[in-house]
Protein backbone atom coordinates (compact mmCIF):
# COMPACT_ATOMS: atom_id res chain seq x y z
CA MET A 1 -10.05 -0.28 7.03
CA THR A 2 -10.78 2.89 5.14
CA ILE A 3 -14.32 4.05 4.54
CA LYS A 4 -13.89 3.56 0.84
CA SER A 5 -12.82 -0.08 1.29
CA ALA A 6 -15.69 -0.65 3.73
CA LEU A 7 -18.13 0.69 1.20
CA LYS A 8 -16.71 -1.63 -1.42
CA ASP A 9 -16.86 -4.66 0.93
CA LYS A 10 -20.43 -3.90 1.95
CA LYS A 11 -21.50 -2.87 -1.58
CA ILE A 12 -22.81 0.48 -0.34
CA SER A 13 -22.57 3.71 -2.25
CA ILE A 14 -21.30 6.99 -0.82
CA TYR A 15 -24.80 8.36 -1.28
CA ARG A 16 -26.31 5.45 0.68
CA LEU A 17 -23.78 5.89 3.52
CA ALA A 18 -24.64 9.57 3.69
CA LYS A 19 -28.34 8.70 4.07
CA MET A 20 -27.73 5.92 6.58
CA SER A 21 -25.42 8.00 8.74
CA GLY A 22 -27.15 11.38 8.47
CA ILE A 23 -23.84 12.97 7.43
CA PRO A 24 -24.04 15.30 4.39
CA TYR A 25 -23.18 13.57 1.09
CA SER A 26 -20.49 16.20 0.37
CA THR A 27 -18.72 15.47 3.65
CA VAL A 28 -18.79 11.66 3.11
CA ASN A 29 -17.63 12.14 -0.46
CA ASP A 30 -14.76 14.34 0.61
CA ILE A 31 -13.69 11.82 3.29
CA CYS A 32 -13.81 8.94 0.78
CA ASN A 33 -11.76 10.90 -1.76
CA ASN A 34 -9.16 12.01 0.78
CA LYS A 35 -10.15 15.69 0.58
CA VAL A 36 -11.08 15.63 4.28
CA ARG A 37 -9.16 13.61 6.81
CA LEU A 38 -11.40 11.41 8.93
CA GLU A 39 -9.21 11.78 12.03
CA LYS A 40 -9.86 15.57 11.85
CA CYS A 41 -13.65 15.12 11.74
CA SER A 42 -15.75 15.53 14.86
CA ALA A 43 -16.31 12.52 17.10
CA GLU A 44 -20.00 12.75 16.20
CA THR A 45 -19.23 12.35 12.49
CA VAL A 46 -16.94 9.43 13.07
CA TYR A 47 -19.49 7.84 15.42
CA HIS A 48 -22.36 8.11 12.92
CA LEU A 49 -20.23 6.69 10.07
CA SER A 50 -19.00 3.81 12.22
CA GLN A 51 -22.54 3.02 13.30
CA ALA A 52 -23.83 3.07 9.72
CA LEU A 53 -20.99 0.84 8.60
CA GLN A 54 -21.21 -1.38 11.70
CA ILE A 55 -17.47 -0.96 12.29
CA PRO A 56 -16.05 0.10 15.68
CA MET A 57 -14.80 3.70 15.71
CA GLU A 58 -11.27 2.54 16.65
CA LYS A 59 -11.02 0.22 13.69
CA LEU A 60 -12.41 2.85 11.35
CA LEU A 61 -9.95 5.46 12.57
CA SER A 62 -6.89 3.19 12.69
CA ALA A 63 -6.37 3.26 8.93
CA TYR A 64 -6.27 7.05 9.05
CA CYS A 65 -4.22 7.53 12.21
CA ASP A 66 -1.29 5.22 11.65
CA PRO A 67 1.72 7.29 10.75
CA ARG A 68 2.94 6.77 7.20
CA SER A 69 6.67 6.93 6.69
CA SER A 70 8.35 7.89 3.43
CA PHE A 71 8.34 5.17 0.74
CA GLU A 72 12.14 5.00 0.92
CA ASN A 73 11.98 4.28 4.66
CA PHE A 74 9.31 1.67 4.09
CA LYS A 75 11.41 -0.09 1.46
CA SER A 76 14.42 -0.05 3.71
CA SER A 77 12.54 -1.50 6.64
CA ILE A 78 11.18 -4.31 4.45
CA CYS A 79 14.64 -5.16 3.15
CA HIS A 80 15.97 -5.23 6.75
CA ARG A 81 13.11 -7.47 7.82
CA VAL A 82 13.97 -9.92 5.03
CA LYS A 83 17.62 -9.92 6.06
CA GLU A 84 16.81 -10.44 9.76
CA MET A 85 14.04 -13.00 9.34
CA GLY A 86 15.20 -14.92 6.30
CA ASP A 87 13.23 -15.34 3.08
CA THR A 88 10.82 -18.07 4.09
CA ASN A 89 10.05 -16.71 7.55
CA PHE A 90 9.43 -13.27 6.02
CA ILE A 91 6.99 -14.68 3.45
CA ILE A 92 5.13 -16.66 6.14
CA ASP A 93 4.95 -13.65 8.48
CA VAL A 94 3.64 -11.26 5.83
CA ILE A 95 1.04 -13.69 4.59
CA GLU A 96 -0.14 -14.76 8.11
CA ASN A 97 -0.53 -11.10 9.09
CA ASP A 98 -2.18 -10.26 5.76
CA GLU A 99 0.00 -7.16 5.47
CA VAL A 100 -0.45 -6.83 1.73
CA ARG A 101 -4.24 -6.59 2.12
CA MET A 102 -3.88 -4.20 5.05
CA TYR A 103 -1.89 -1.74 2.93
CA TYR A 104 -4.27 -2.24 0.03
CA ASN A 105 -7.27 -1.45 2.26
CA ARG A 106 -5.57 1.69 3.46
CA ALA A 107 -5.05 2.71 -0.14
CA TRP A 108 -1.28 2.77 0.45
CA PHE A 109 -0.68 1.30 -2.96
CA PRO A 110 3.12 1.75 -3.30
CA GLU A 111 3.67 -0.03 0.00
CA CYS A 112 1.11 -2.76 -0.88
CA LEU A 113 2.63 -3.46 -4.27
CA TYR A 114 6.22 -3.30 -2.95
CA LEU A 115 5.44 -5.85 -0.32
CA LEU A 116 3.65 -8.10 -2.83
CA ALA A 117 6.55 -7.81 -5.25
CA MET A 118 8.94 -8.79 -2.43
CA ILE A 119 6.89 -11.88 -1.60
CA ASP A 120 6.72 -12.87 -5.24
CA TYR A 121 10.48 -12.26 -5.76
CA LEU A 122 11.45 -14.23 -2.68
CA SER A 123 9.07 -17.01 -3.67
CA ARG A 124 10.73 -17.26 -7.08
CA GLU A 125 14.23 -17.12 -5.58
CA ASN A 126 13.36 -19.98 -3.19
CA ASP A 127 11.25 -22.12 -5.58
CA ILE A 128 8.17 -21.53 -3.37
CA PRO A 129 4.81 -21.56 -5.23
CA ILE A 130 3.21 -18.09 -5.49
CA ASP A 131 0.38 -17.59 -3.04
CA ASN A 132 -2.72 -16.81 -5.13
CA GLU A 133 -4.45 -15.02 -2.22
CA TYR A 134 -3.41 -11.71 -3.82
CA ASP A 135 -4.21 -12.38 -7.45
CA ASP A 136 -6.83 -9.62 -7.39
CA ILE A 137 -4.12 -7.13 -6.38
CA ARG A 138 -1.58 -8.46 -8.86
CA GLN A 139 -3.65 -7.05 -11.71
CA TYR A 140 -2.79 -3.45 -10.66
CA LYS A 141 0.30 -1.32 -11.09
CA LEU A 142 1.24 2.18 -10.12
CA GLU A 143 0.42 4.87 -12.64
CA LYS A 144 3.94 6.29 -12.68
CA LEU A 145 7.29 4.57 -12.34
CA ILE A 146 8.86 4.86 -8.90
CA TYR A 147 12.67 4.92 -8.90
CA PRO A 148 14.83 4.91 -5.82
CA SER A 149 15.40 8.48 -4.71
CA SER A 150 19.17 8.06 -4.94
CA LEU A 151 18.88 7.25 -8.68
CA TRP A 152 16.61 10.26 -9.27
CA ALA A 153 19.13 12.46 -7.53
CA LEU A 154 22.06 10.98 -9.52
CA ALA A 155 20.21 11.36 -12.85
CA GLU A 156 19.23 14.95 -12.03
CA THR A 157 22.71 15.92 -10.84
CA CYS A 158 24.40 14.39 -13.91
CA LYS A 159 21.59 15.45 -16.24
CA ASP A 160 21.73 11.91 -17.57
CA ASP A 161 18.52 9.94 -18.21
CA THR A 162 20.47 6.85 -19.20
CA ILE A 163 20.92 6.20 -15.49
CA LEU A 164 17.17 5.76 -15.11
CA ASN A 165 16.93 3.79 -18.35
CA LYS A 166 19.60 1.38 -17.19
CA ALA A 167 17.94 0.97 -13.81
CA TYR A 168 14.64 0.23 -15.59
CA GLN A 169 16.25 -2.42 -17.78
CA GLU A 170 17.99 -4.09 -14.82
CA SER A 171 14.99 -3.94 -12.43
CA ILE A 172 13.81 -7.10 -10.68
CA PRO A 173 10.83 -8.34 -12.75
CA GLU A 174 8.49 -8.78 -9.81
CA PHE A 175 8.91 -5.11 -8.84
CA LYS A 176 8.97 -3.81 -12.42
CA ARG A 177 5.54 -5.33 -13.15
CA PHE A 178 4.10 -2.91 -10.56
CA ASN A 179 6.07 0.06 -11.93
CA ILE A 180 8.52 -0.04 -9.01
CA ILE A 181 12.12 0.08 -10.13
CA GLU A 182 14.15 -1.98 -7.72
CA ASN A 183 17.54 -3.56 -8.41
CA GLU A 184 18.88 -4.41 -5.04
CA VAL A 185 16.97 -5.77 -2.03
CA ARG A 186 19.69 -7.94 -0.50
CA ASN A 187 22.57 -5.48 0.07
CA VAL A 188 21.24 -3.57 3.08
CA VAL A 189 23.37 -2.19 5.89
């Protein structure tokens, strides 16, 4: 859980957290806006923030310390999980572990929305009703389109934007709605 998501959940402002924790407002603001990394702060700072938020230090730090792989690696690992587990088991596993919300709370929005798109896509493909647990997240989309890096490279090399336009047109609707251009999630090696 990030500090920003904790503030939202507890309906506390950055200013109020600064007062409650005794940490300068500018420091708390910089942490919340990703200008300062919490895992690089002193133990005393983390301690005071965790006490003020009533969240154990380990839980507060976990969102900041987990390594984040490239988005391409993330997508690949998700596609491999689907292939290994099967559509229905994948959907059940992701929902039971609340992975979509976990990525959302970490502010890892591309990963969050990709995973949600995958669940929605697999649900449609298997005539499974959409789980409305994530309707609040479904209202969002990424600011910029994200294309597979291989398509970007091909379009740049060929100096041909029609490659990207074609990929956009052929994108799976559940991914496209979040501004993620994805045409193939089944053909993984």
